[in-house]
Amino acid sequence: MVAGVSKAVFSALASSGILKRLASRYGMRRPQSFARRFVAGETLAEAILAAQTLERQGLMVTIDHLGENVTTTETALAATHDYTEIIRAAASTGISRNLSVKLTQIGLDVDRATATDHLRRVLEAAVEADFFVRVDMEGSAYTAQTLDIFESLWSIGYRNVGVVIQSCLRRSADDVARMNALGARVRLVKGAYREPKDVAFQAKDEVDARFVELMQTLLSHGSSPAIATHDPAMIAATQQYALSQNIDKSRFEFQMLFGIRRDLQASIAAAGHPFRVYLPFGKEWFPYFMRRLGERPANVGFVLRSLFREEAQL
């Protein structure tokens, strides 16, 4: 029964004020707490420490500062400043110079001009520190604006930036073609957001089929694509296609999220594929965490029991 819980349920849980308050109080308190399976911690220092550990294992890292849907110019500016500080601090440690940015965290819900200007500031800091910035993709309501902002900055010369495309969206084949025409670096994912039927494929086999089609297009015609999936079938399809087309392993990379399928991460890296871990951190970790549970609903009972058990013990 738990395995059948839909993304809609986890979206509702993610917006629960009670759960978020409990999670904020207890979720990161203990070193072995439930949230640390998927989130490096609440501070940049914790993220850097986790990144160093992963890199000693031969993995690359993208720093992902959690947060989204800010609604004031002041909060968006503060988040932009946080990103430039992350770039400065991470560069000084020698870890992978790779950063993920959500546009709603830096002002897209304020207005497009604010988000564009703030992304430009992040890219400027990234250029100085030789960082690559991946513009993350959020719900489908933001897809068109995200790609337009990306292309506007690309058009004025920023090349240290890439974007994410979700295979679940019906529009994504056109978006991949558009990004390939630019020569932009695409990260391909299935998509973790709940989307309406007219916008996104609903059945897993349809999403998977589109993922394979887009993967093949990116490997054959894209620029250093990132294939981001925890699905062994999608990984195998990518490896088989690359082999059949004589595409060298160095021309693309696999990516997974921190804490998910660690055994598979190690085996892919051991096979000689460039491999990158998305490493999330920050105080606004709860919505991200709930989306991860939505991808594996069997974990939700354990998490809720952990939350309420800790509350009862106080």
C-alpha atoms as a PDB file:
ATOM      1  CA  MET A   1       0.000   0.000   0.000  1.00  0.00           C
ATOM      2  CA  VAL A   2       2.796   2.424   0.902  1.00  0.00           C
ATOM      3  CA  ALA A   3       4.512   1.749  -2.424  1.00  0.00           C
ATOM      4  CA  GLY A   4       1.452   3.099  -4.210  1.00  0.00           C
ATOM      5  CA  VAL A   5       1.556   6.506  -2.547  1.00  0.00           C
ATOM      6  CA  SER A   6       1.499   9.150  -5.266  1.00  0.00           C
ATOM      7  CA  LYS A   7       3.609  12.238  -5.804  1.00  0.00           C
ATOM      8  CA  ALA A   8       0.522  14.245  -4.864  1.00  0.00           C
ATOM      9  CA  VAL A   9       0.664  12.900  -1.315  1.00  0.00           C
ATOM     10  CA  PHE A  10       4.322  13.806  -0.947  1.00  0.00           C
ATOM     11  CA  SER A  11       3.671  17.264  -2.371  1.00  0.00           C
ATOM     12  CA  ALA A  12       1.069  17.750   0.373  1.00  0.00           C
ATOM     13  CA  LEU A  13       3.464  16.448   3.037  1.00  0.00           C
ATOM     14  CA  ALA A  14       6.185  18.793   1.795  1.00  0.00           C
ATOM     15  CA  SER A  15       3.898  21.776   2.413  1.00  0.00           C
ATOM     16  CA  SER A  16       2.845  20.639   5.896  1.00  0.00           C
ATOM     17  CA  GLY A  17       3.813  23.260   8.446  1.00  0.00           C
ATOM     18  CA  ILE A  18       3.784  20.759  11.319  1.00  0.00           C
ATOM     19  CA  LEU A  19       6.087  18.306   9.564  1.00  0.00           C
ATOM     20  CA  LYS A  20       8.420  21.050   8.409  1.00  0.00           C
ATOM     21  CA  ARG A  21       8.741  22.406  11.955  1.00  0.00           C
ATOM     22  CA  LEU A  22       9.451  18.937  13.325  1.00  0.00           C
ATOM     23  CA  ALA A  23      11.943  18.280  10.554  1.00  0.00           C
ATOM     24  CA  SER A  24      13.701  21.597  11.158  1.00  0.00           C
ATOM     25  CA  ARG A  25      14.048  20.810  14.864  1.00  0.00           C
ATOM     26  CA  TYR A  26      15.109  17.176  14.631  1.00  0.00           C
ATOM     27  CA  GLY A  27      15.924  16.179  11.073  1.00  0.00           C
ATOM     28  CA  MET A  28      19.622  17.086  11.181  1.00  0.00           C
ATOM     29  CA  ARG A  29      20.215  16.899  14.911  1.00  0.00           C
ATOM     30  CA  ARG A  30      21.948  13.517  15.075  1.00  0.00           C
ATOM     31  CA  PRO A  31      24.804  12.347  12.799  1.00  0.00           C
ATOM     32  CA  GLN A  32      22.745   9.269  11.850  1.00  0.00           C
ATOM     33  CA  SER A  33      19.419  11.097  11.479  1.00  0.00           C
ATOM     34  CA  PHE A  34      17.043  10.102   8.681  1.00  0.00           C
ATOM     35  CA  ALA A  35      17.574  13.235   6.584  1.00  0.00           C
ATOM     36  CA  ARG A  36      21.351  12.884   6.430  1.00  0.00           C
ATOM     37  CA  ARG A  37      20.889   9.900   4.171  1.00  0.00           C
ATOM     38  CA  PHE A  38      19.955  12.344   1.382  1.00  0.00           C
ATOM     39  CA  VAL A  39      21.210  15.753   2.588  1.00  0.00           C
ATOM     40  CA  ALA A  40      24.818  16.539   3.513  1.00  0.00           C
ATOM     41  CA  GLY A  41      23.804  18.931   6.288  1.00  0.00           C
ATOM     42  CA  GLU A  42      22.567  22.447   6.879  1.00  0.00           C
ATOM     43  CA  THR A  43      25.908  24.264   6.541  1.00  0.00           C
ATOM     44  CA  LEU A  44      28.405  24.778   3.752  1.00  0.00           C
ATOM     45  CA  ALA A  45      31.150  23.358   5.971  1.00  0.00           C
ATOM     46  CA  GLU A  46      29.224  20.080   6.207  1.00  0.00           C
ATOM     47  CA  ALA A  47      28.731  20.023   2.439  1.00  0.00           C
ATOM     48  CA  ILE A  48      32.428  20.606   1.780  1.00  0.00           C
ATOM     49  CA  LEU A  49      33.378  17.827   4.180  1.00  0.00           C
ATOM     50  CA  ALA A  50      30.963  15.442   2.426  1.00  0.00           C
ATOM     51  CA  ALA A  51      32.322  16.523  -0.964  1.00  0.00           C
ATOM     52  CA  GLN A  52      35.884  15.795   0.096  1.00  0.00           C
ATOM     53  CA  THR A  53      34.842  12.336   1.263  1.00  0.00           C
ATOM     54  CA  LEU A  54      33.149  11.579  -2.067  1.00  0.00           C
ATOM     55  CA  GLU A  55      36.094  12.834  -4.075  1.00  0.00           C
ATOM     56  CA  ARG A  56      38.460  10.570  -2.176  1.00  0.00           C
ATOM     57  CA  GLN A  57      36.269   7.766  -3.545  1.00  0.00           C
ATOM     58  CA  GLY A  58      36.911   8.939  -7.109  1.00  0.00           C
ATOM     59  CA  LEU A  59      33.576  10.740  -7.590  1.00  0.00           C
ATOM     60  CA  MET A  60      32.959  14.282  -8.795  1.00  0.00           C
ATOM     61  CA  VAL A  61      30.535  16.581  -6.995  1.00  0.00           C
ATOM     62  CA  THR A  62      27.989  19.306  -7.721  1.00  0.00           C
ATOM     63  CA  ILE A  63      27.103  21.514  -4.749  1.00  0.00           C
ATOM     64  CA  ASP A  64      23.341  22.030  -4.495  1.00  0.00           C
ATOM     65  CA  HIS A  65      22.261  24.800  -2.090  1.00  0.00           C
ATOM     66  CA  LEU A  66      18.679  23.950  -1.227  1.00  0.00           C
ATOM     67  CA  GLY A  67      15.906  26.522  -1.362  1.00  0.00           C
ATOM     68  CA  GLU A  68      13.200  27.605  -3.786  1.00  0.00           C
ATOM     69  CA  ASN A  69      10.195  29.856  -4.399  1.00  0.00           C
ATOM     70  CA  VAL A  70      11.388  32.945  -2.554  1.00  0.00           C
ATOM     71  CA  THR A  71       8.972  35.834  -2.939  1.00  0.00           C
ATOM     72  CA  THR A  72      10.887  38.978  -1.978  1.00  0.00           C
ATOM     73  CA  THR A  73      13.719  40.840  -3.646  1.00  0.00           C
ATOM     74  CA  GLU A  74      15.647  40.916  -0.367  1.00  0.00           C
ATOM     75  CA  THR A  75      15.515  37.133   0.099  1.00  0.00           C
ATOM     76  CA  ALA A  76      16.459  36.528  -3.532  1.00  0.00           C
ATOM     77  CA  LEU A  77      19.434  38.882  -3.216  1.00  0.00           C
ATOM     78  CA  ALA A  78      20.528  37.130  -0.031  1.00  0.00           C
ATOM     79  CA  ALA A  79      20.399  33.760  -1.819  1.00  0.00           C
ATOM     80  CA  THR A  80      22.447  35.190  -4.681  1.00  0.00           C
ATOM     81  CA  HIS A  81      25.045  36.367  -2.175  1.00  0.00           C
ATOM     82  CA  ASP A  82      25.021  32.876  -0.640  1.00  0.00           C
ATOM     83  CA  TYR A  83      25.850  31.381  -4.021  1.00  0.00           C
ATOM     84  CA  THR A  84      28.798  33.696  -4.571  1.00  0.00           C
ATOM     85  CA  GLU A  85      30.075  32.819  -1.090  1.00  0.00           C
ATOM     86  CA  ILE A  86      29.706  29.109  -1.869  1.00  0.00           C
ATOM     87  CA  ILE A  87      31.790  29.602  -5.001  1.00  0.00           C
ATOM     88  CA  ARG A  88      34.488  31.445  -3.054  1.00  0.00           C
ATOM     89  CA  ALA A  89      34.605  28.950  -0.187  1.00  0.00           C
ATOM     90  CA  ALA A  90      34.448  25.843  -2.367  1.00  0.00           C
ATOM     91  CA  ALA A  91      37.201  27.137  -4.649  1.00  0.00           C
ATOM     92  CA  SER A  92      39.492  27.613  -1.674  1.00  0.00           C
ATOM     93  CA  THR A  93      39.108  23.941  -0.683  1.00  0.00           C
ATOM     94  CA  GLY A  94      39.909  22.458  -4.074  1.00  0.00           C
ATOM     95  CA  ILE A  95      36.703  20.438  -4.435  1.00  0.00           C
ATOM     96  CA  SER A  96      34.878  20.066  -7.760  1.00  0.00           C
ATOM     97  CA  ARG A  97      34.014  23.480  -9.180  1.00  0.00           C
ATOM     98  CA  ASN A  98      30.437  22.702 -10.031  1.00  0.00           C
ATOM     99  CA  LEU A  99      27.288  24.361  -8.693  1.00  0.00           C
ATOM    100  CA  SER A 100      23.520  23.906  -9.116  1.00  0.00           C
ATOM    101  CA  VAL A 101      21.183  26.934  -9.010  1.00  0.00           C
ATOM    102  CA  LYS A 102      17.374  27.147  -8.850  1.00  0.00           C
ATOM    103  CA  LEU A 103      15.972  30.283 -10.448  1.00  0.00           C
ATOM    104  CA  THR A 104      13.064  30.557  -8.011  1.00  0.00           C
ATOM    105  CA  GLN A 105      15.617  30.744  -5.217  1.00  0.00           C
ATOM    106  CA  ILE A 106      17.178  33.844  -6.761  1.00  0.00           C
ATOM    107  CA  GLY A 107      14.011  35.692  -7.701  1.00  0.00           C
ATOM    108  CA  LEU A 108      12.022  34.132 -10.549  1.00  0.00           C
ATOM    109  CA  ASP A 109       8.830  34.375  -8.475  1.00  0.00           C
ATOM    110  CA  VAL A 110       9.588  38.079  -7.985  1.00  0.00           C
ATOM    111  CA  ASP A 111      10.046  38.716 -11.698  1.00  0.00           C
ATOM    112  CA  ARG A 112      12.088  37.497 -14.633  1.00  0.00           C
ATOM    113  CA  ALA A 113      14.424  40.499 -14.660  1.00  0.00           C
ATOM    114  CA  THR A 114      15.424  39.902 -11.029  1.00  0.00           C
ATOM    115  CA  ALA A 115      16.235  36.242 -11.657  1.00  0.00           C
ATOM    116  CA  THR A 116      18.180  37.072 -14.820  1.00  0.00           C
ATOM    117  CA  ASP A 117      20.269  39.720 -13.102  1.00  0.00           C
ATOM    118  CA  HIS A 118      20.968  37.508 -10.104  1.00  0.00           C
ATOM    119  CA  LEU A 119      21.957  34.554 -12.285  1.00  0.00           C
ATOM    120  CA  ARG A 120      24.328  36.850 -14.173  1.00  0.00           C
ATOM    121  CA  ARG A 121      25.958  37.806 -10.848  1.00  0.00           C
ATOM    122  CA  VAL A 122      26.407  34.133  -9.966  1.00  0.00           C
ATOM    123  CA  LEU A 123      27.888  33.387 -13.395  1.00  0.00           C
ATOM    124  CA  GLU A 124      30.300  36.306 -13.082  1.00  0.00           C
ATOM    125  CA  ALA A 125      31.565  34.964  -9.763  1.00  0.00           C
ATOM    126  CA  ALA A 126      31.758  31.508 -11.324  1.00  0.00           C
ATOM    127  CA  VAL A 127      33.828  32.746 -14.268  1.00  0.00           C
ATOM    128  CA  GLU A 128      36.366  34.284 -11.906  1.00  0.00           C
ATOM    129  CA  ALA A 129      36.685  31.027  -9.941  1.00  0.00           C
ATOM    130  CA  ASP A 130      36.488  28.701 -12.978  1.00  0.00           C
ATOM    131  CA  PHE A 131      33.162  27.195 -11.840  1.00  0.00           C
ATOM    132  CA  PHE A 132      30.506  25.533 -13.955  1.00  0.00           C
ATOM    133  CA  VAL A 133      26.907  26.406 -13.038  1.00  0.00           C
ATOM    134  CA  ARG A 134      23.975  24.137 -13.803  1.00  0.00           C
ATOM    135  CA  VAL A 135      20.616  25.911 -13.905  1.00  0.00           C
ATOM    136  CA  ASP A 136      18.214  23.440 -12.326  1.00  0.00           C
ATOM    137  CA  MET A 137      14.773  22.730 -13.767  1.00  0.00           C
ATOM    138  CA  GLU A 138      11.767  23.106 -11.491  1.00  0.00           C
ATOM    139  CA  GLY A 139       8.062  22.468 -12.102  1.00  0.00           C
ATOM    140  CA  SER A 140       6.710  22.832 -15.642  1.00  0.00           C
ATOM    141  CA  ALA A 141       5.266  26.283 -14.874  1.00  0.00           C
ATOM    142  CA  TYR A 142       8.876  27.521 -14.909  1.00  0.00           C
ATOM    143  CA  THR A 143      10.253  25.569 -17.877  1.00  0.00           C
ATOM    144  CA  ALA A 144       9.796  28.178 -20.603  1.00  0.00           C
ATOM    145  CA  GLN A 145      11.110  31.041 -18.454  1.00  0.00           C
ATOM    146  CA  THR A 146      14.082  29.000 -17.294  1.00  0.00           C
ATOM    147  CA  LEU A 147      15.152  28.139 -20.832  1.00  0.00           C
ATOM    148  CA  ASP A 148      14.583  31.704 -22.039  1.00  0.00           C
ATOM    149  CA  ILE A 149      16.710  33.150 -19.222  1.00  0.00           C
ATOM    150  CA  PHE A 150      19.374  30.543 -19.883  1.00  0.00           C
ATOM    151  CA  GLU A 151      19.468  31.363 -23.586  1.00  0.00           C
ATOM    152  CA  SER A 152      19.524  35.116 -22.990  1.00  0.00           C
ATOM    153  CA  LEU A 153      22.677  34.798 -20.888  1.00  0.00           C
ATOM    154  CA  TRP A 154      24.180  32.282 -23.294  1.00  0.00           C
ATOM    155  CA  SER A 155      23.612  34.768 -26.118  1.00  0.00           C
ATOM    156  CA  ILE A 156      25.754  37.407 -24.410  1.00  0.00           C
ATOM    157  CA  GLY A 157      28.691  35.081 -23.997  1.00  0.00           C
ATOM    158  CA  TYR A 158      28.330  33.056 -20.820  1.00  0.00           C
ATOM    159  CA  ARG A 159      29.528  29.530 -21.531  1.00  0.00           C
ATOM    160  CA  ASN A 160      30.155  28.311 -17.982  1.00  0.00           C
ATOM    161  CA  VAL A 161      26.517  27.317 -17.652  1.00  0.00           C
ATOM    162  CA  GLY A 162      24.258  24.378 -18.486  1.00  0.00           C
ATOM    163  CA  VAL A 163      20.633  23.431 -17.953  1.00  0.00           C
ATOM    164  CA  VAL A 164      18.388  20.497 -17.029  1.00  0.00           C
ATOM    165  CA  ILE A 165      15.731  18.819 -19.194  1.00  0.00           C
ATOM    166  CA  GLN A 166      13.061  16.476 -17.792  1.00  0.00           C
ATOM    167  CA  SER A 167      12.070  13.476 -19.911  1.00  0.00           C
ATOM    168  CA  CYS A 168       8.570  13.390 -18.398  1.00  0.00           C
ATOM    169  CA  LEU A 169       7.575  16.650 -20.111  1.00  0.00           C
ATOM    170  CA  ARG A 170       5.950  16.409 -23.527  1.00  0.00           C
ATOM    171  CA  ARG A 171       7.886  19.434 -24.777  1.00  0.00           C
ATOM    172  CA  SER A 172      11.337  18.076 -23.946  1.00  0.00           C
ATOM    173  CA  ALA A 173      12.312  16.724 -27.389  1.00  0.00           C
ATOM    174  CA  ASP A 174      12.021  20.249 -28.786  1.00  0.00           C
ATOM    175  CA  ASP A 175      13.910  21.651 -25.806  1.00  0.00           C
ATOM    176  CA  VAL A 176      16.772  19.192 -26.252  1.00  0.00           C
ATOM    177  CA  ALA A 177      16.998  20.108 -29.945  1.00  0.00           C
ATOM    178  CA  ARG A 178      17.065  23.789 -28.982  1.00  0.00           C
ATOM    179  CA  MET A 179      19.868  23.290 -26.452  1.00  0.00           C
ATOM    180  CA  ASN A 180      21.873  21.090 -28.826  1.00  0.00           C
ATOM    181  CA  ALA A 181      21.633  23.802 -31.493  1.00  0.00           C
ATOM    182  CA  LEU A 182      23.197  26.230 -29.016  1.00  0.00           C
ATOM    183  CA  GLY A 183      25.912  23.778 -28.021  1.00  0.00           C
ATOM    184  CA  ALA A 184      24.740  23.958 -24.401  1.00  0.00           C
ATOM    185  CA  ARG A 185      25.410  21.240 -21.847  1.00  0.00           C
ATOM    186  CA  VAL A 186      22.241  19.379 -20.832  1.00  0.00           C
ATOM    187  CA  ARG A 187      21.587  17.296 -17.736  1.00  0.00           C
ATOM    188  CA  LEU A 188      18.847  14.776 -18.505  1.00  0.00           C
ATOM    189  CA  VAL A 189      16.539  13.657 -15.682  1.00  0.00           C
ATOM    190  CA  LYS A 190      13.151  11.943 -15.530  1.00  0.00           C
ATOM    191  CA  GLY A 191      11.560  14.676 -13.368  1.00  0.00           C
ATOM    192  CA  ALA A 192      10.433  14.625  -9.731  1.00  0.00           C
ATOM    193  CA  TYR A 193       7.535  17.105  -9.835  1.00  0.00           C
ATOM    194  CA  ARG A 194       3.851  16.288 -10.007  1.00  0.00           C
ATOM    195  CA  GLU A 195       2.663  17.462 -13.437  1.00  0.00           C
ATOM    196  CA  PRO A 196      -0.719  17.519 -15.241  1.00  0.00           C
ATOM    197  CA  LYS A 197      -1.451  15.001 -17.995  1.00  0.00           C
ATOM    198  CA  ASP A 198      -1.523  17.568 -20.774  1.00  0.00           C
ATOM    199  CA  VAL A 199       2.010  18.670 -19.859  1.00  0.00           C
ATOM    200  CA  ALA A 200       3.723  15.434 -18.866  1.00  0.00           C
ATOM    201  CA  PHE A 201       3.638  11.718 -19.507  1.00  0.00           C
ATOM    202  CA  GLN A 202       2.177   9.895 -16.525  1.00  0.00           C
ATOM    203  CA  ALA A 203       3.106   6.246 -17.088  1.00  0.00           C
ATOM    204  CA  LYS A 204       6.576   5.074 -16.151  1.00  0.00           C
ATOM    205  CA  ASP A 205       7.090   3.225 -19.429  1.00  0.00           C
ATOM    206  CA  GLU A 206       6.342   6.403 -21.395  1.00  0.00           C
ATOM    207  CA  VAL A 207       8.720   8.503 -19.270  1.00  0.00           C
ATOM    208  CA  ASP A 208      11.393   5.828 -19.641  1.00  0.00           C
ATOM    209  CA  ALA A 209      10.920   5.601 -23.399  1.00  0.00           C
ATOM    210  CA  ARG A 210      11.315   9.373 -23.750  1.00  0.00           C
ATOM    211  CA  PHE A 211      14.347   9.288 -21.492  1.00  0.00           C
ATOM    212  CA  VAL A 212      16.035   6.763 -23.795  1.00  0.00           C
ATOM    213  CA  GLU A 213      15.150   8.772 -26.897  1.00  0.00           C
ATOM    214  CA  LEU A 214      16.493  12.010 -25.427  1.00  0.00           C
ATOM    215  CA  MET A 215      19.593  10.251 -24.084  1.00  0.00           C
ATOM    216  CA  GLN A 216      20.392   8.970 -27.562  1.00  0.00           C
ATOM    217  CA  THR A 217      19.933  12.420 -29.076  1.00  0.00           C
ATOM    218  CA  LEU A 218      22.183  13.982 -26.447  1.00  0.00           C
ATOM    219  CA  LEU A 219      24.926  11.382 -26.766  1.00  0.00           C
ATOM    220  CA  SER A 220      24.938  11.652 -30.565  1.00  0.00           C
ATOM    221  CA  HIS A 221      24.424  15.389 -30.968  1.00  0.00           C
ATOM    222  CA  GLY A 222      24.831  17.066 -27.583  1.00  0.00           C
ATOM    223  CA  SER A 223      27.728  18.729 -25.803  1.00  0.00           C
ATOM    224  CA  SER A 224      29.107  16.780 -22.819  1.00  0.00           C
ATOM    225  CA  PRO A 225      25.665  15.625 -21.649  1.00  0.00           C
ATOM    226  CA  ALA A 226      24.973  14.404 -18.131  1.00  0.00           C
ATOM    227  CA  ILE A 227      22.730  11.355 -17.815  1.00  0.00           C
ATOM    228  CA  ALA A 228      21.180  11.661 -14.360  1.00  0.00           C
ATOM    229  CA  THR A 229      19.286   8.573 -13.260  1.00  0.00           C
ATOM    230  CA  HIS A 230      19.209   5.930 -10.536  1.00  0.00           C
ATOM    231  CA  ASP A 231      17.400   3.476 -12.788  1.00  0.00           C
ATOM    232  CA  PRO A 232      19.657   0.529 -13.740  1.00  0.00           C
ATOM    233  CA  ALA A 233      17.648   0.004 -16.941  1.00  0.00           C
ATOM    234  CA  MET A 234      18.303   3.584 -18.083  1.00  0.00           C
ATOM    235  CA  ILE A 235      21.972   3.279 -17.176  1.00  0.00           C
ATOM    236  CA  ALA A 236      22.284   0.035 -19.120  1.00  0.00           C
ATOM    237  CA  ALA A 237      20.505   1.573 -22.122  1.00  0.00           C
ATOM    238  CA  THR A 238      22.954   4.479 -22.062  1.00  0.00           C
ATOM    239  CA  GLN A 239      25.977   2.200 -21.869  1.00  0.00           C
ATOM    240  CA  GLN A 240      24.675  -0.005 -24.665  1.00  0.00           C
ATOM    241  CA  TYR A 241      23.916   2.939 -26.945  1.00  0.00           C
ATOM    242  CA  ALA A 242      27.328   4.509 -26.356  1.00  0.00           C
ATOM    243  CA  LEU A 243      29.000   1.199 -27.151  1.00  0.00           C
ATOM    244  CA  SER A 244      26.923   0.633 -30.297  1.00  0.00           C
ATOM    245  CA  GLN A 245      27.727   4.125 -31.585  1.00  0.00           C
ATOM    246  CA  ASN A 246      31.379   4.019 -30.557  1.00  0.00           C
ATOM    247  CA  ILE A 247      30.869   6.995 -28.235  1.00  0.00           C
ATOM    248  CA  ASP A 248      33.764   7.246 -25.806  1.00  0.00           C
ATOM    249  CA  LYS A 249      32.999   7.263 -22.076  1.00  0.00           C
ATOM    250  CA  SER A 250      34.750  10.625 -21.748  1.00  0.00           C
ATOM    251  CA  ARG A 251      32.093  12.347 -23.887  1.00  0.00           C
ATOM    252  CA  PHE A 252      29.347  12.112 -21.247  1.00  0.00           C
ATOM    253  CA  GLU A 253      28.919  11.524 -17.539  1.00  0.00           C
ATOM    254  CA  PHE A 254      26.504   9.752 -15.248  1.00  0.00           C
ATOM    255  CA  GLN A 255      25.019  11.564 -12.276  1.00  0.00           C
ATOM    256  CA  MET A 256      23.065  10.559  -9.186  1.00  0.00           C
ATOM    257  CA  LEU A 257      21.827  12.231  -6.031  1.00  0.00           C
ATOM    258  CA  PHE A 258      23.668  11.997  -2.748  1.00  0.00           C
ATOM    259  CA  GLY A 259      22.682   8.969  -0.689  1.00  0.00           C
ATOM    260  CA  ILE A 260      20.771   7.119  -3.415  1.00  0.00           C
ATOM    261  CA  ARG A 261      22.071   3.808  -4.789  1.00  0.00           C
ATOM    262  CA  ARG A 262      25.547   4.251  -3.393  1.00  0.00           C
ATOM    263  CA  ASP A 263      26.446   0.725  -4.495  1.00  0.00           C
ATOM    264  CA  LEU A 264      25.487   1.554  -8.072  1.00  0.00           C
ATOM    265  CA  GLN A 265      27.401   4.833  -7.941  1.00  0.00           C
ATOM    266  CA  ALA A 266      30.570   3.004  -6.978  1.00  0.00           C
ATOM    267  CA  SER A 267      30.185   0.322  -9.639  1.00  0.00           C
ATOM    268  CA  ILE A 268      29.601   2.835 -12.456  1.00  0.00           C
ATOM    269  CA  ALA A 269      32.651   4.862 -11.437  1.00  0.00           C
ATOM    270  CA  ALA A 270      34.707   1.663 -11.158  1.00  0.00           C
ATOM    271  CA  ALA A 271      33.734   0.830 -14.750  1.00  0.00           C
ATOM    272  CA  GLY A 272      35.527   3.984 -15.893  1.00  0.00           C
ATOM    273  CA  HIS A 273      32.580   6.298 -16.447  1.00  0.00           C
ATOM    274  CA  PRO A 274      32.914   9.918 -15.304  1.00  0.00           C
ATOM    275  CA  PHE A 275      30.521  10.090 -12.377  1.00  0.00           C
ATOM    276  CA  ARG A 276      29.113  13.035 -10.445  1.00  0.00           C
ATOM    277  CA  VAL A 277      27.115  13.187  -7.217  1.00  0.00           C
ATOM    278  CA  TYR A 278      24.631  15.998  -6.614  1.00  0.00           C
ATOM    279  CA  LEU A 279      25.337  17.056  -3.039  1.00  0.00           C
ATOM    280  CA  PRO A 280      22.473  19.027  -1.434  1.00  0.00           C
ATOM    281  CA  PHE A 281      22.776  21.067   1.745  1.00  0.00           C
ATOM    282  CA  GLY A 282      20.998  23.901   3.513  1.00  0.00           C
ATOM    283  CA  LYS A 283      18.296  24.734   6.013  1.00  0.00           C
ATOM    284  CA  GLU A 284      15.540  24.499   3.394  1.00  0.00           C
ATOM    285  CA  TRP A 285      16.009  20.773   2.893  1.00  0.00           C
ATOM    286  CA  PHE A 286      12.527  19.499   3.746  1.00  0.00           C
ATOM    287  CA  PRO A 287      10.771  19.916   0.318  1.00  0.00           C
ATOM    288  CA  TYR A 288      13.763  18.323  -1.413  1.00  0.00           C
ATOM    289  CA  PHE A 289      13.712  15.453   1.054  1.00  0.00           C
ATOM    290  CA  MET A 290       9.998  14.835   0.509  1.00  0.00           C
ATOM    291  CA  ARG A 291      10.520  14.647  -3.262  1.00  0.00           C
ATOM    292  CA  ARG A 292      13.163  11.986  -2.679  1.00  0.00           C
ATOM    293  CA  LEU A 293      10.673  10.045  -0.574  1.00  0.00           C
ATOM    294  CA  GLY A 294       8.141  10.423  -3.363  1.00  0.00           C
ATOM    295  CA  GLU A 295      10.536   8.531  -5.603  1.00  0.00           C
ATOM    296  CA  ARG A 296      10.779   5.766  -2.975  1.00  0.00           C
ATOM    297  CA  PRO A 297       7.569   5.851  -0.912  1.00  0.00           C
ATOM    298  CA  ALA A 298       8.468   2.788   1.184  1.00  0.00           C
ATOM    299  CA  ASN A 299      10.714   5.044   3.270  1.00  0.00           C
ATOM    300  CA  VAL A 300       7.928   7.365   4.409  1.00  0.00           C
ATOM    301  CA  GLY A 301       6.731   5.260   7.334  1.00  0.00           C
ATOM    302  CA  PHE A 302      10.222   5.112   8.770  1.00  0.00           C
ATOM    303  CA  VAL A 303      10.670   8.869   8.460  1.00  0.00           C
ATOM    304  CA  LEU A 304       7.346   9.808  10.053  1.00  0.00           C
ATOM    305  CA  ARG A 305       7.906   7.395  12.929  1.00  0.00           C
ATOM    306  CA  SER A 306      11.350   8.932  13.475  1.00  0.00           C
ATOM    307  CA  LEU A 307       9.954  12.457  13.569  1.00  0.00           C
ATOM    308  CA  PHE A 308       7.197  11.761  16.066  1.00  0.00           C
ATOM    309  CA  ARG A 309       9.349   9.442  18.204  1.00  0.00           C
ATOM    310  CA  GLU A 310      11.853  12.255  18.757  1.00  0.00           C
ATOM    311  CA  GLU A 311       9.072  14.712  19.591  1.00  0.00           C
ATOM    312  CA  ALA A 312       7.628  12.291  22.166  1.00  0.00           C
ATOM    313  CA  GLN A 313      10.995  11.862  23.864  1.00  0.00           C
ATOM    314  CA  LEU A 314      11.329  15.569  24.699  1.00  0.00           C
END
